[in-house]
Amino acid sequence: MVMDVEGTTESLNGHTNGNIASKNALNDTASDEFTSIPILSLDRARNPDTKAAFLADLLQALLHVGFCYISDTGLPPELIQRVKDETIKFFDEGVLPLAEKEKIEMKNQKSFLGWSRVSLISSIS
């Protein structure tokens, strides 16, 4: 399945049931053009018969697209909603002050993981 940038879902090149369906990953080539979000079913990772294919698809998604959507997680809908709510709060400066976010800024982390500010400068003249 593939999710395009408008959010519609469709089958691509016969890849269904959570198989990777990214233009870049299917062609096994890197491209600067991004056209779809790979959707991977976690159910495939839980099944010994499909786990290896899932891991190969995951690797392709992360190498060629940079991220993917994991479906069929088994997580309760209430937990998913709580995570969404907390994520929104994290980006609301009224809830978490800038000084707190700066403590976990990516430039301060060896792993380069963490918060990253949005630049207000669009071009330098």
PDB file of N, CA and C in Angstrom:
ATOM      1  N   MET A   1       0.847  -1.171   0.000  1.00  0.00           N
ATOM      2  CA  MET A   1       0.000   0.000   0.000  1.00  0.00           C
ATOM      3  C   MET A   1       0.886   1.225   0.000  1.00  0.00           C
ATOM      4  N   VAL A   2       0.376   2.279  -0.572  1.00  0.00           N
ATOM      5  CA  VAL A   2       1.127   3.522  -0.589  1.00  0.00           C
ATOM      6  C   VAL A   2       0.224   4.657  -0.180  1.00  0.00           C
ATOM      7  N   MET A   3       0.761   5.605   0.562  1.00  0.00           N
ATOM      8  CA  MET A   3       0.010   6.799   0.917  1.00  0.00           C
ATOM      9  C   MET A   3       0.688   7.951   0.204  1.00  0.00           C
ATOM     10  N   ASP A   4      -0.035   8.603  -0.688  1.00  0.00           N
ATOM     11  CA  ASP A   4       0.581   9.729  -1.381  1.00  0.00           C
ATOM     12  C   ASP A   4       0.501  10.973  -0.525  1.00  0.00           C
ATOM     13  N   VAL A   5       1.072  12.059  -1.036  1.00  0.00           N
ATOM     14  CA  VAL A   5       1.146  13.265  -0.223  1.00  0.00           C
ATOM     15  C   VAL A   5      -0.219  13.859   0.097  1.00  0.00           C
ATOM     16  N   GLU A   6      -1.246  13.492  -0.646  1.00  0.00           N
ATOM     17  CA  GLU A   6      -2.589  13.966  -0.315  1.00  0.00           C
ATOM     18  C   GLU A   6      -3.257  13.070   0.712  1.00  0.00           C
ATOM     19  N   GLY A   7      -2.649  11.922   1.047  1.00  0.00           N
ATOM     20  CA  GLY A   7      -3.200  11.058   2.072  1.00  0.00           C
ATOM     21  C   GLY A   7      -4.072   9.943   1.543  1.00  0.00           C
ATOM     22  N   THR A   8      -4.178   9.759   0.236  1.00  0.00           N
ATOM     23  CA  THR A   8      -4.957   8.652  -0.285  1.00  0.00           C
ATOM     24  C   THR A   8      -4.108   7.394  -0.273  1.00  0.00           C
ATOM     25  N   THR A   9      -4.764   6.255  -0.167  1.00  0.00           N
ATOM     26  CA  THR A   9      -4.068   4.979  -0.113  1.00  0.00           C
ATOM     27  C   THR A   9      -4.464   4.164  -1.322  1.00  0.00           C
ATOM     28  N   GLU A  10      -3.452   3.548  -1.946  1.00  0.00           N
ATOM     29  CA  GLU A  10      -3.724   2.719  -3.112  1.00  0.00           C
ATOM     30  C   GLU A  10      -2.650   1.659  -3.233  1.00  0.00           C
ATOM     31  N   SER A  11      -2.950   0.629  -4.023  1.00  0.00           N
ATOM     32  CA  SER A  11      -1.979  -0.414  -4.297  1.00  0.00           C
ATOM     33  C   SER A  11      -1.023   0.082  -5.380  1.00  0.00           C
ATOM     34  N   LEU A  12       0.237  -0.329  -5.323  1.00  0.00           N
ATOM     35  CA  LEU A  12       1.220   0.098  -6.307  1.00  0.00           C
ATOM     36  C   LEU A  12       2.015  -1.105  -6.776  1.00  0.00           C
ATOM     37  N   ASN A  13       2.025  -1.342  -8.079  1.00  0.00           N
ATOM     38  CA  ASN A  13       2.801  -2.423  -8.683  1.00  0.00           C
ATOM     39  C   ASN A  13       2.538  -3.775  -8.021  1.00  0.00           C
ATOM     40  N   GLY A  14       1.309  -4.012  -7.599  1.00  0.00           N
ATOM     41  CA  GLY A  14       0.943  -5.289  -7.026  1.00  0.00           C
ATOM     42  C   GLY A  14       1.425  -5.525  -5.615  1.00  0.00           C
ATOM     43  N   HIS A  15       2.082  -4.576  -4.998  1.00  0.00           N
ATOM     44  CA  HIS A  15       2.545  -4.728  -3.624  1.00  0.00           C
ATOM     45  C   HIS A  15       1.399  -4.362  -2.694  1.00  0.00           C
ATOM     46  N   THR A  16       0.923  -5.342  -1.938  1.00  0.00           N
ATOM     47  CA  THR A  16      -0.179  -5.110  -1.007  1.00  0.00           C
ATOM     48  C   THR A  16       0.133  -5.781   0.319  1.00  0.00           C
ATOM     49  N   ASN A  17      -0.853  -5.822   1.189  1.00  0.00           N
ATOM     50  CA  ASN A  17      -0.723  -6.455   2.500  1.00  0.00           C
ATOM     51  C   ASN A  17       0.436  -5.906   3.313  1.00  0.00           C
ATOM     52  N   GLY A  18       0.668  -4.597   3.234  1.00  0.00           N
ATOM     53  CA  GLY A  18       1.688  -3.979   4.053  1.00  0.00           C
ATOM     54  C   GLY A  18       3.077  -4.039   3.453  1.00  0.00           C
ATOM     55  N   ASN A  19       3.231  -4.639   2.267  1.00  0.00           N
ATOM     56  CA  ASN A  19       4.548  -4.617   1.632  1.00  0.00           C
ATOM     57  C   ASN A  19       4.919  -3.200   1.301  1.00  0.00           C
ATOM     58  N   ILE A  20       6.186  -2.934   1.215  1.00  0.00           N
ATOM     59  CA  ILE A  20       6.635  -1.581   0.920  1.00  0.00           C
ATOM     60  C   ILE A  20       6.140  -1.179  -0.463  1.00  0.00           C
ATOM     61  N   ALA A  21       5.762   0.060  -0.604  1.00  0.00           N
ATOM     62  CA  ALA A  21       5.247   0.515  -1.884  1.00  0.00           C
ATOM     63  C   ALA A  21       5.697   1.933  -2.148  1.00  0.00           C
ATOM     64  N   SER A  22       6.939   2.171  -2.007  1.00  0.00           N
ATOM     65  CA  SER A  22       7.499   3.471  -2.325  1.00  0.00           C
ATOM     66  C   SER A  22       8.127   3.419  -3.695  1.00  0.00           C
ATOM     67  N   LYS A  23       7.933   4.441  -4.478  1.00  0.00           N
ATOM     68  CA  LYS A  23       8.549   4.492  -5.805  1.00  0.00           C
ATOM     69  C   LYS A  23      10.056   4.271  -5.696  1.00  0.00           C
ATOM     70  N   ASN A  24      10.693   4.964  -4.775  1.00  0.00           N
ATOM     71  CA  ASN A  24      12.138   4.842  -4.633  1.00  0.00           C
ATOM     72  C   ASN A  24      12.537   3.445  -4.198  1.00  0.00           C
ATOM     73  N   ALA A  25      11.845   2.875  -3.233  1.00  0.00           N
ATOM     74  CA  ALA A  25      12.221   1.570  -2.718  1.00  0.00           C
ATOM     75  C   ALA A  25      11.932   0.477  -3.737  1.00  0.00           C
ATOM     76  N   LEU A  26      10.822   0.592  -4.458  1.00  0.00           N
ATOM     77  CA  LEU A  26      10.496  -0.421  -5.452  1.00  0.00           C
ATOM     78  C   LEU A  26      11.529  -0.448  -6.570  1.00  0.00           C
ATOM     79  N   ASN A  27      11.998   0.710  -6.953  1.00  0.00           N
ATOM     80  CA  ASN A  27      12.996   0.782  -8.013  1.00  0.00           C
ATOM     81  C   ASN A  27      14.401   0.568  -7.489  1.00  0.00           C
ATOM     82  N   ASP A  28      14.548   0.499  -6.164  1.00  0.00           N
ATOM     83  CA  ASP A  28      15.834   0.289  -5.510  1.00  0.00           C
ATOM     84  C   ASP A  28      16.849   1.346  -5.920  1.00  0.00           C
ATOM     85  N   THR A  29      16.384   2.561  -6.123  1.00  0.00           N
ATOM     86  CA  THR A  29      17.281   3.657  -6.465  1.00  0.00           C
ATOM     87  C   THR A  29      16.956   4.850  -5.590  1.00  0.00           C
ATOM     88  N   ALA A  30      17.962   5.623  -5.303  1.00  0.00           N
ATOM     89  CA  ALA A  30      17.741   6.840  -4.531  1.00  0.00           C
ATOM     90  C   ALA A  30      17.292   7.946  -5.470  1.00  0.00           C
ATOM     91  N   SER A  31      16.449   8.820  -4.981  1.00  0.00           N
ATOM     92  CA  SER A  31      15.952   9.919  -5.786  1.00  0.00           C
ATOM     93  C   SER A  31      15.692  11.104  -4.880  1.00  0.00           C
ATOM     94  N   ASP A  32      15.844  12.302  -5.427  1.00  0.00           N
ATOM     95  CA  ASP A  32      15.524  13.492  -4.658  1.00  0.00           C
ATOM     96  C   ASP A  32      14.024  13.715  -4.597  1.00  0.00           C
ATOM     97  N   GLU A  33      13.275  13.052  -5.465  1.00  0.00           N
ATOM     98  CA  GLU A  33      11.829  13.243  -5.533  1.00  0.00           C
ATOM     99  C   GLU A  33      11.123  12.278  -4.582  1.00  0.00           C
ATOM    100  N   PHE A  34      10.278  12.808  -3.736  1.00  0.00           N
ATOM    101  CA  PHE A  34       9.518  11.996  -2.795  1.00  0.00           C
ATOM    102  C   PHE A  34       8.073  11.989  -3.233  1.00  0.00           C
ATOM    103  N   THR A  35       7.504  10.810  -3.451  1.00  0.00           N
ATOM    104  CA  THR A  35       6.131  10.741  -3.943  1.00  0.00           C
ATOM    105  C   THR A  35       5.176   9.971  -3.052  1.00  0.00           C
ATOM    106  N   SER A  36       5.683   9.156  -2.124  1.00  0.00           N
ATOM    107  CA  SER A  36       4.783   8.347  -1.324  1.00  0.00           C
ATOM    108  C   SER A  36       5.426   7.959   0.007  1.00  0.00           C
ATOM    109  N   ILE A  37       4.564   7.589   0.943  1.00  0.00           N
ATOM    110  CA  ILE A  37       5.014   7.123   2.247  1.00  0.00           C
ATOM    111  C   ILE A  37       4.866   5.604   2.274  1.00  0.00           C
ATOM    112  N   PRO A  38       5.945   4.875   2.494  1.00  0.00           N
ATOM    113  CA  PRO A  38       5.815   3.417   2.609  1.00  0.00           C
ATOM    114  C   PRO A  38       4.994   3.062   3.850  1.00  0.00           C
ATOM    115  N   ILE A  39       4.064   2.133   3.697  1.00  0.00           N
ATOM    116  CA  ILE A  39       3.235   1.674   4.802  1.00  0.00           C
ATOM    117  C   ILE A  39       3.580   0.216   5.057  1.00  0.00           C
ATOM    118  N   LEU A  40       4.057  -0.077   6.255  1.00  0.00           N
ATOM    119  CA  LEU A  40       4.456  -1.429   6.612  1.00  0.00           C
ATOM    120  C   LEU A  40       3.594  -1.938   7.760  1.00  0.00           C
ATOM    121  N   SER A  41       3.052  -3.131   7.602  1.00  0.00           N
ATOM    122  CA  SER A  41       2.226  -3.736   8.640  1.00  0.00           C
ATOM    123  C   SER A  41       3.117  -4.456   9.645  1.00  0.00           C
ATOM    124  N   LEU A  42       2.997  -4.092  10.908  1.00  0.00           N
ATOM    125  CA  LEU A  42       3.785  -4.736  11.952  1.00  0.00           C
ATOM    126  C   LEU A  42       3.395  -6.204  12.124  1.00  0.00           C
ATOM    127  N   ASP A  43       2.209  -6.565  11.672  1.00  0.00           N
ATOM    128  CA  ASP A  43       1.802  -7.972  11.700  1.00  0.00           C
ATOM    129  C   ASP A  43       2.795  -8.843  10.938  1.00  0.00           C
ATOM    130  N   ARG A  44       3.377  -8.313   9.870  1.00  0.00           N
ATOM    131  CA  ARG A  44       4.354  -9.074   9.077  1.00  0.00           C
ATOM    132  C   ARG A  44       5.624  -9.336   9.881  1.00  0.00           C
ATOM    133  N   ALA A  45       5.987  -8.428  10.786  1.00  0.00           N
ATOM    134  CA  ALA A  45       7.179  -8.624  11.621  1.00  0.00           C
ATOM    135  C   ALA A  45       6.931  -9.684  12.692  1.00  0.00           C
ATOM    136  N   ARG A  46       5.694  -9.864  13.071  1.00  0.00           N
ATOM    137  CA  ARG A  46       5.355 -10.837  14.112  1.00  0.00           C
ATOM    138  C   ARG A  46       5.241 -12.260  13.570  1.00  0.00           C
ATOM    139  N   ASN A  47       5.102 -12.395  12.266  1.00  0.00           N
ATOM    140  CA  ASN A  47       4.927 -13.700  11.631  1.00  0.00           C
ATOM    141  C   ASN A  47       6.278 -14.206  11.134  1.00  0.00           C
ATOM    142  N   PRO A  48       6.743 -15.362  11.614  1.00  0.00           N
ATOM    143  CA  PRO A  48       8.049 -15.876  11.185  1.00  0.00           C
ATOM    144  C   PRO A  48       8.168 -16.066   9.671  1.00  0.00           C
ATOM    145  N   ASP A  49       7.040 -16.336   9.005  1.00  0.00           N
ATOM    146  CA  ASP A  49       7.071 -16.547   7.555  1.00  0.00           C
ATOM    147  C   ASP A  49       7.271 -15.255   6.769  1.00  0.00           C
ATOM    148  N   THR A  50       6.932 -14.104   7.364  1.00  0.00           N
ATOM    149  CA  THR A  50       7.040 -12.833   6.639  1.00  0.00           C
ATOM    150  C   THR A  50       8.000 -11.845   7.296  1.00  0.00           C
ATOM    151  N   LYS A  51       8.595 -12.248   8.421  1.00  0.00           N
ATOM    152  CA  LYS A  51       9.461 -11.336   9.160  1.00  0.00           C
ATOM    153  C   LYS A  51      10.663 -10.871   8.339  1.00  0.00           C
ATOM    154  N   ALA A  52      11.335 -11.771   7.651  1.00  0.00           N
ATOM    155  CA  ALA A  52      12.520 -11.397   6.861  1.00  0.00           C
ATOM    156  C   ALA A  52      12.150 -10.401   5.766  1.00  0.00           C
ATOM    157  N   ALA A  53      11.027 -10.623   5.106  1.00  0.00           N
ATOM    158  CA  ALA A  53      10.585  -9.696   4.052  1.00  0.00           C
ATOM    159  C   ALA A  53      10.221  -8.338   4.656  1.00  0.00           C
ATOM    160  N   PHE A  54       9.579  -8.354   5.824  1.00  0.00           N
ATOM    161  CA  PHE A  54       9.253  -7.103   6.505  1.00  0.00           C
ATOM    162  C   PHE A  54      10.523  -6.317   6.800  1.00  0.00           C
ATOM    163  N   LEU A  55      11.535  -6.989   7.348  1.00  0.00           N
ATOM    164  CA  LEU A  55      12.783  -6.308   7.699  1.00  0.00           C
ATOM    165  C   LEU A  55      13.481  -5.754   6.455  1.00  0.00           C
ATOM    166  N   ALA A  56      13.432  -6.495   5.356  1.00  0.00           N
ATOM    167  CA  ALA A  56      14.019  -6.004   4.104  1.00  0.00           C
ATOM    168  C   ALA A  56      13.257  -4.772   3.608  1.00  0.00           C
ATOM    169  N   ASP A  57      11.936  -4.816   3.694  1.00  0.00           N
ATOM    170  CA  ASP A  57      11.117  -3.667   3.281  1.00  0.00           C
ATOM    171  C   ASP A  57      11.371  -2.468   4.182  1.00  0.00           C
ATOM    172  N   LEU A  58      11.523  -2.707   5.483  1.00  0.00           N
ATOM    173  CA  LEU A  58      11.809  -1.629   6.424  1.00  0.00           C
ATOM    174  C   LEU A  58      13.148  -0.974   6.090  1.00  0.00           C
ATOM    175  N   LEU A  59      14.153  -1.778   5.820  1.00  0.00           N
ATOM    176  CA  LEU A  59      15.462  -1.253   5.455  1.00  0.00           C
ATOM    177  C   LEU A  59      15.365  -0.395   4.196  1.00  0.00           C
ATOM    178  N   GLN A  60      14.662  -0.876   3.194  1.00  0.00           N
ATOM    179  CA  GLN A  60      14.498  -0.110   1.958  1.00  0.00           C
ATOM    180  C   GLN A  60      13.787   1.215   2.221  1.00  0.00           C
ATOM    181  N   ALA A  61      12.748   1.177   3.038  1.00  0.00           N
ATOM    182  CA  ALA A  61      12.000   2.409   3.334  1.00  0.00           C
ATOM    183  C   ALA A  61      12.900   3.427   4.019  1.00  0.00           C
ATOM    184  N   LEU A  62      13.658   2.977   5.002  1.00  0.00           N
ATOM    185  CA  LEU A  62      14.493   3.909   5.764  1.00  0.00           C
ATOM    186  C   LEU A  62      15.668   4.422   4.955  1.00  0.00           C
ATOM    187  N   LEU A  63      16.226   3.597   4.085  1.00  0.00           N
ATOM    188  CA  LEU A  63      17.358   4.032   3.269  1.00  0.00           C
ATOM    189  C   LEU A  63      16.946   4.926   2.111  1.00  0.00           C
ATOM    190  N   HIS A  64      15.809   4.634   1.492  1.00  0.00           N
ATOM    191  CA  HIS A  64      15.438   5.345   0.262  1.00  0.00           C
ATOM    192  C   HIS A  64      14.408   6.440   0.448  1.00  0.00           C
ATOM    193  N   VAL A  65      13.614   6.358   1.507  1.00  0.00           N
ATOM    194  CA  VAL A  65      12.615   7.393   1.769  1.00  0.00           C
ATOM    195  C   VAL A  65      12.987   8.162   3.028  1.00  0.00           C
ATOM    196  N   GLY A  66      13.500   7.471   4.021  1.00  0.00           N
ATOM    197  CA  GLY A  66      13.917   8.113   5.258  1.00  0.00           C
ATOM    198  C   GLY A  66      12.977   7.865   6.412  1.00  0.00           C
ATOM    199  N   PHE A  67      11.783   7.404   6.139  1.00  0.00           N
ATOM    200  CA  PHE A  67      10.815   7.088   7.181  1.00  0.00           C
ATOM    201  C   PHE A  67       9.711   6.254   6.573  1.00  0.00           C
ATOM    202  N   CYS A  68       8.821   5.745   7.416  1.00  0.00           N
ATOM    203  CA  CYS A  68       7.687   4.970   6.932  1.00  0.00           C
ATOM    204  C   CYS A  68       6.556   5.064   7.943  1.00  0.00           C
ATOM    205  N   TYR A  69       5.402   4.572   7.557  1.00  0.00           N
ATOM    206  CA  TYR A  69       4.241   4.498   8.442  1.00  0.00           C
ATOM    207  C   TYR A  69       4.089   3.039   8.847  1.00  0.00           C
ATOM    208  N   ILE A  70       4.089   2.761  10.142  1.00  0.00           N
ATOM    209  CA  ILE A  70       3.905   1.404  10.638  1.00  0.00           C
ATOM    210  C   ILE A  70       2.441   1.232  11.011  1.00  0.00           C
ATOM    211  N   SER A  71       1.768   0.290  10.353  1.00  0.00           N
ATOM    212  CA  SER A  71       0.360   0.023  10.639  1.00  0.00           C
ATOM    213  C   SER A  71       0.223  -1.264  11.450  1.00  0.00           C
ATOM    214  N   ASP A  72      -0.969  -1.514  11.906  1.00  0.00           N
ATOM    215  CA  ASP A  72      -1.287  -2.750  12.623  1.00  0.00           C
ATOM    216  C   ASP A  72      -0.361  -2.975  13.819  1.00  0.00           C
ATOM    217  N   THR A  73      -0.195  -1.942  14.631  1.00  0.00           N
ATOM    218  CA  THR A  73       0.715  -2.017  15.769  1.00  0.00           C
ATOM    219  C   THR A  73       0.133  -2.786  16.947  1.00  0.00           C
ATOM    220  N   GLY A  74      -1.181  -2.829  17.026  1.00  0.00           N
ATOM    221  CA  GLY A  74      -1.818  -3.466  18.174  1.00  0.00           C
ATOM    222  C   GLY A  74      -1.929  -2.541  19.377  1.00  0.00           C
ATOM    223  N   LEU A  75      -1.487  -1.307  19.225  1.00  0.00           N
ATOM    224  CA  LEU A  75      -1.587  -0.350  20.327  1.00  0.00           C
ATOM    225  C   LEU A  75      -3.039   0.083  20.510  1.00  0.00           C
ATOM    226  N   PRO A  76      -3.460   0.269  21.753  1.00  0.00           N
ATOM    227  CA  PRO A  76      -4.834   0.710  21.995  1.00  0.00           C
ATOM    228  C   PRO A  76      -5.060   2.121  21.433  1.00  0.00           C
ATOM    229  N   PRO A  77      -6.217   2.362  20.832  1.00  0.00           N
ATOM    230  CA  PRO A  77      -6.518   3.687  20.277  1.00  0.00           C
ATOM    231  C   PRO A  77      -6.380   4.811  21.304  1.00  0.00           C
ATOM    232  N   GLU A  78      -6.687   4.526  22.571  1.00  0.00           N
ATOM    233  CA  GLU A  78      -6.571   5.552  23.614  1.00  0.00           C
ATOM    234  C   GLU A  78      -5.118   5.982  23.794  1.00  0.00           C
ATOM    235  N   LEU A  79      -4.193   5.028  23.730  1.00  0.00           N
ATOM    236  CA  LEU A  79      -2.772   5.344  23.858  1.00  0.00           C
ATOM    237  C   LEU A  79      -2.294   6.173  22.665  1.00  0.00           C
ATOM    238  N   ILE A  80      -2.724   5.794  21.480  1.00  0.00           N
ATOM    239  CA  ILE A  80      -2.349   6.545  20.282  1.00  0.00           C
ATOM    240  C   ILE A  80      -2.839   7.987  20.391  1.00  0.00           C
ATOM    241  N   GLN A  81      -4.063   8.178  20.867  1.00  0.00           N
ATOM    242  CA  GLN A  81      -4.600   9.529  21.024  1.00  0.00           C
ATOM    243  C   GLN A  81      -3.819  10.317  22.060  1.00  0.00           C
ATOM    244  N   ARG A  82      -3.455   9.671  23.169  1.00  0.00           N
ATOM    245  CA  ARG A  82      -2.668  10.357  24.208  1.00  0.00           C
ATOM    246  C   ARG A  82      -1.312  10.807  23.661  1.00  0.00           C
ATOM    247  N   VAL A  83      -0.676   9.951  22.857  1.00  0.00           N
ATOM    248  CA  VAL A  83       0.616  10.314  22.260  1.00  0.00           C
ATOM    249  C   VAL A  83       0.436  11.497  21.311  1.00  0.00           C
ATOM    250  N   LYS A  84      -0.613  11.482  20.509  1.00  0.00           N
ATOM    251  CA  LYS A  84      -0.890  12.618  19.615  1.00  0.00           C
ATOM    252  C   LYS A  84      -1.086  13.904  20.416  1.00  0.00           C
ATOM    253  N   ASP A  85      -1.858  13.814  21.488  1.00  0.00           N
ATOM    254  CA  ASP A  85      -2.118  14.995  22.323  1.00  0.00           C
ATOM    255  C   ASP A  85      -0.825  15.531  22.936  1.00  0.00           C
ATOM    256  N   GLU A  86       0.023  14.636  23.441  1.00  0.00           N
ATOM    257  CA  GLU A  86       1.291  15.056  24.052  1.00  0.00           C
ATOM    258  C   GLU A  86       2.235  15.639  23.010  1.00  0.00           C
ATOM    259  N   THR A  87       2.203  15.110  21.801  1.00  0.00           N
ATOM    260  CA  THR A  87       3.041  15.642  20.724  1.00  0.00           C
ATOM    261  C   THR A  87       2.661  17.076  20.409  1.00  0.00           C
ATOM    262  N   ILE A  88       1.369  17.338  20.335  1.00  0.00           N
ATOM    263  CA  ILE A  88       0.898  18.705  20.081  1.00  0.00           C
ATOM    264  C   ILE A  88       1.353  19.625  21.201  1.00  0.00           C
ATOM    265  N   LYS A  89       1.242  19.164  22.441  1.00  0.00           N
ATOM    266  CA  LYS A  89       1.683  19.973  23.578  1.00  0.00           C
ATOM    267  C   LYS A  89       3.175  20.282  23.504  1.00  0.00           C
ATOM    268  N   PHE A  90       3.961  19.315  23.057  1.00  0.00           N
ATOM    269  CA  PHE A  90       5.407  19.501  22.983  1.00  0.00           C
ATOM    270  C   PHE A  90       5.765  20.686  22.090  1.00  0.00           C
ATOM    271  N   PHE A  91       5.020  20.855  21.010  1.00  0.00           N
ATOM    272  CA  PHE A  91       5.327  21.935  20.075  1.00  0.00           C
ATOM    273  C   PHE A  91       4.637  23.244  20.427  1.00  0.00           C
ATOM    274  N   ASP A  92       3.781  23.236  21.442  1.00  0.00           N
ATOM    275  CA  ASP A  92       3.106  24.446  21.890  1.00  0.00           C
ATOM    276  C   ASP A  92       4.001  25.136  22.920  1.00  0.00           C
ATOM    277  N   GLU A  93       4.552  26.286  22.560  1.00  0.00           N
ATOM    278  CA  GLU A  93       5.484  26.979  23.448  1.00  0.00           C
ATOM    279  C   GLU A  93       4.833  27.405  24.758  1.00  0.00           C
ATOM    280  N   GLY A  94       3.513  27.519  24.763  1.00  0.00           N
ATOM    281  CA  GLY A  94       2.826  27.867  25.995  1.00  0.00           C
ATOM    282  C   GLY A  94       2.831  26.732  27.005  1.00  0.00           C
ATOM    283  N   VAL A  95       3.039  25.502  26.546  1.00  0.00           N
ATOM    284  CA  VAL A  95       3.042  24.342  27.430  1.00  0.00           C
ATOM    285  C   VAL A  95       4.465  23.975  27.832  1.00  0.00           C
ATOM    286  N   LEU A  96       5.365  23.941  26.867  1.00  0.00           N
ATOM    287  CA  LEU A  96       6.761  23.616  27.144  1.00  0.00           C
ATOM    288  C   LEU A  96       7.615  24.792  26.671  1.00  0.00           C
ATOM    289  N   PRO A  97       8.207  25.529  27.597  1.00  0.00           N
ATOM    290  CA  PRO A  97       8.979  26.726  27.227  1.00  0.00           C
ATOM    291  C   PRO A  97      10.183  26.402  26.346  1.00  0.00           C
ATOM    292  N   LEU A  98      10.572  27.381  25.564  1.00  0.00           N
ATOM    293  CA  LEU A  98      11.709  27.243  24.658  1.00  0.00           C
ATOM    294  C   LEU A  98      12.967  26.800  25.404  1.00  0.00           C
ATOM    295  N   ALA A  99      13.189  27.303  26.588  1.00  0.00           N
ATOM    296  CA  ALA A  99      14.384  26.937  27.364  1.00  0.00           C
ATOM    297  C   ALA A  99      14.431  25.440  27.652  1.00  0.00           C
ATOM    298  N   GLU A 100      13.277  24.832  27.893  1.00  0.00           N
ATOM    299  CA  GLU A 100      13.224  23.382  28.136  1.00  0.00           C
ATOM    300  C   GLU A 100      13.523  22.610  26.858  1.00  0.00           C
ATOM    301  N   LYS A 101      12.985  23.070  25.734  1.00  0.00           N
ATOM    302  CA  LYS A 101      13.240  22.406  24.451  1.00  0.00           C
ATOM    303  C   LYS A 101      14.715  22.495  24.084  1.00  0.00           C
ATOM    304  N   GLU A 102      15.325  23.631  24.371  1.00  0.00           N
ATOM    305  CA  GLU A 102      16.736  23.816  24.034  1.00  0.00           C
ATOM    306  C   GLU A 102      17.633  22.830  24.772  1.00  0.00           C
ATOM    307  N   LYS A 103      17.189  22.326  25.911  1.00  0.00           N
ATOM    308  CA  LYS A 103      17.977  21.338  26.658  1.00  0.00           C
ATOM    309  C   LYS A 103      18.139  20.039  25.875  1.00  0.00           C
ATOM    310  N   ILE A 104      17.173  19.737  25.003  1.00  0.00           N
ATOM    311  CA  ILE A 104      17.249  18.509  24.209  1.00  0.00           C
ATOM    312  C   ILE A 104      17.429  18.810  22.721  1.00  0.00           C
ATOM    313  N   GLU A 105      17.971  19.985  22.422  1.00  0.00           N
ATOM    314  CA  GLU A 105      18.194  20.369  21.028  1.00  0.00           C
ATOM    315  C   GLU A 105      19.181  19.412  20.366  1.00  0.00           C
ATOM    316  N   MET A 106      18.935  19.104  19.114  1.00  0.00           N
ATOM    317  CA  MET A 106      19.750  18.135  18.385  1.00  0.00           C
ATOM    318  C   MET A 106      21.230  18.474  18.408  1.00  0.00           C
ATOM    319  N   LYS A 107      21.571  19.741  18.312  1.00  0.00           N
ATOM    320  CA  LYS A 107      22.982  20.121  18.263  1.00  0.00           C
ATOM    321  C   LYS A 107      23.707  19.813  19.576  1.00  0.00           C
ATOM    322  N   ASN A 108      22.955  19.574  20.641  1.00  0.00           N
ATOM    323  CA  ASN A 108      23.544  19.255  21.941  1.00  0.00           C
ATOM    324  C   ASN A 108      23.640  17.751  22.194  1.00  0.00           C
ATOM    325  N   GLN A 109      23.202  16.941  21.249  1.00  0.00           N
ATOM    326  CA  GLN A 109      23.153  15.495  21.443  1.00  0.00           C
ATOM    327  C   GLN A 109      24.178  14.789  20.558  1.00  0.00           C
ATOM    328  N   LYS A 110      24.914  13.847  21.114  1.00  0.00           N
ATOM    329  CA  LYS A 110      25.867  13.063  20.326  1.00  0.00           C
ATOM    330  C   LYS A 110      25.154  12.280  19.228  1.00  0.00           C
ATOM    331  N   SER A 111      23.947  11.820  19.514  1.00  0.00           N
ATOM    332  CA  SER A 111      23.184  11.017  18.557  1.00  0.00           C
ATOM    333  C   SER A 111      22.526  11.876  17.481  1.00  0.00           C
ATOM    334  N   PHE A 112      22.546  13.193  17.657  1.00  0.00           N
ATOM    335  CA  PHE A 112      21.869  14.137  16.774  1.00  0.00           C
ATOM    336  C   PHE A 112      20.366  13.866  16.722  1.00  0.00           C
ATOM    337  N   LEU A 113      19.822  13.347  17.818  1.00  0.00           N
ATOM    338  CA  LEU A 113      18.382  13.162  17.958  1.00  0.00           C
ATOM    339  C   LEU A 113      17.873  14.191  18.948  1.00  0.00           C
ATOM    340  N   GLY A 114      16.670  14.654  18.762  1.00  0.00           N
ATOM    341  CA  GLY A 114      16.091  15.603  19.698  1.00  0.00           C
ATOM    342  C   GLY A 114      15.315  16.691  18.999  1.00  0.00           C
ATOM    343  N   TRP A 115      15.082  17.770  19.712  1.00  0.00           N
ATOM    344  CA  TRP A 115      14.303  18.890  19.210  1.00  0.00           C
ATOM    345  C   TRP A 115      15.146  19.727  18.253  1.00  0.00           C
ATOM    346  N   SER A 116      14.511  20.275  17.244  1.00  0.00           N
ATOM    347  CA  SER A 116      15.189  21.158  16.303  1.00  0.00           C
ATOM    348  C   SER A 116      14.313  22.378  16.075  1.00  0.00           C
ATOM    349  N   ARG A 117      14.919  23.542  16.180  1.00  0.00           N
ATOM    350  CA  ARG A 117      14.153  24.776  15.983  1.00  0.00           C
ATOM    351  C   ARG A 117      13.873  24.998  14.501  1.00  0.00           C
ATOM    352  N   VAL A 118      12.824  25.716  14.221  1.00  0.00           N
ATOM    353  CA  VAL A 118      12.484  26.126  12.864  1.00  0.00           C
ATOM    354  C   VAL A 118      13.149  27.456  12.625  1.00  0.00           C
ATOM    355  N   SER A 119      13.892  27.549  11.553  1.00  0.00           N
ATOM    356  CA  SER A 119      14.603  28.802  11.240  1.00  0.00           C
ATOM    357  C   SER A 119      13.614  29.846  10.749  1.00  0.00           C
ATOM    358  N   LEU A 120      13.759  31.048  11.252  1.00  0.00           N
ATOM    359  CA  LEU A 120      12.908  32.158  10.815  1.00  0.00           C
ATOM    360  C   LEU A 120      13.506  32.877   9.615  1.00  0.00           C
ATOM    361  N   ILE A 121      14.740  32.531   9.270  1.00  0.00           N
ATOM    362  CA  ILE A 121      15.404  33.163   8.132  1.00  0.00           C
ATOM    363  C   ILE A 121      15.194  32.273   6.913  1.00  0.00           C
ATOM    364  N   SER A 122      14.530  32.812   5.891  1.00  0.00           N
ATOM    365  CA  SER A 122      14.271  31.997   4.699  1.00  0.00           C
ATOM    366  C   SER A 122      15.376  32.134   3.672  1.00  0.00           C
ATOM    367  N   SER A 123      16.075  33.261   3.668  1.00  0.00           N
ATOM    368  CA  SER A 123      17.204  33.420   2.740  1.00  0.00           C
ATOM    369  C   SER A 123      18.143  34.471   3.280  1.00  0.00           C
ATOM    370  N   ILE A 124      19.371  34.341   2.883  1.00  0.00           N
ATOM    371  CA  ILE A 124      20.379  35.313   3.307  1.00  0.00           C
ATOM    372  C   ILE A 124      20.756  36.121   2.090  1.00  0.00           C
ATOM    373  N   SER A 125      20.710  37.469   2.225  1.00  0.00           N
ATOM    374  CA  SER A 125      21.046  38.300   1.061  1.00  0.00           C
ATOM    375  C   SER A 125      22.373  38.971   1.236  1.00  0.00           C
TER     376      SER A 125
END
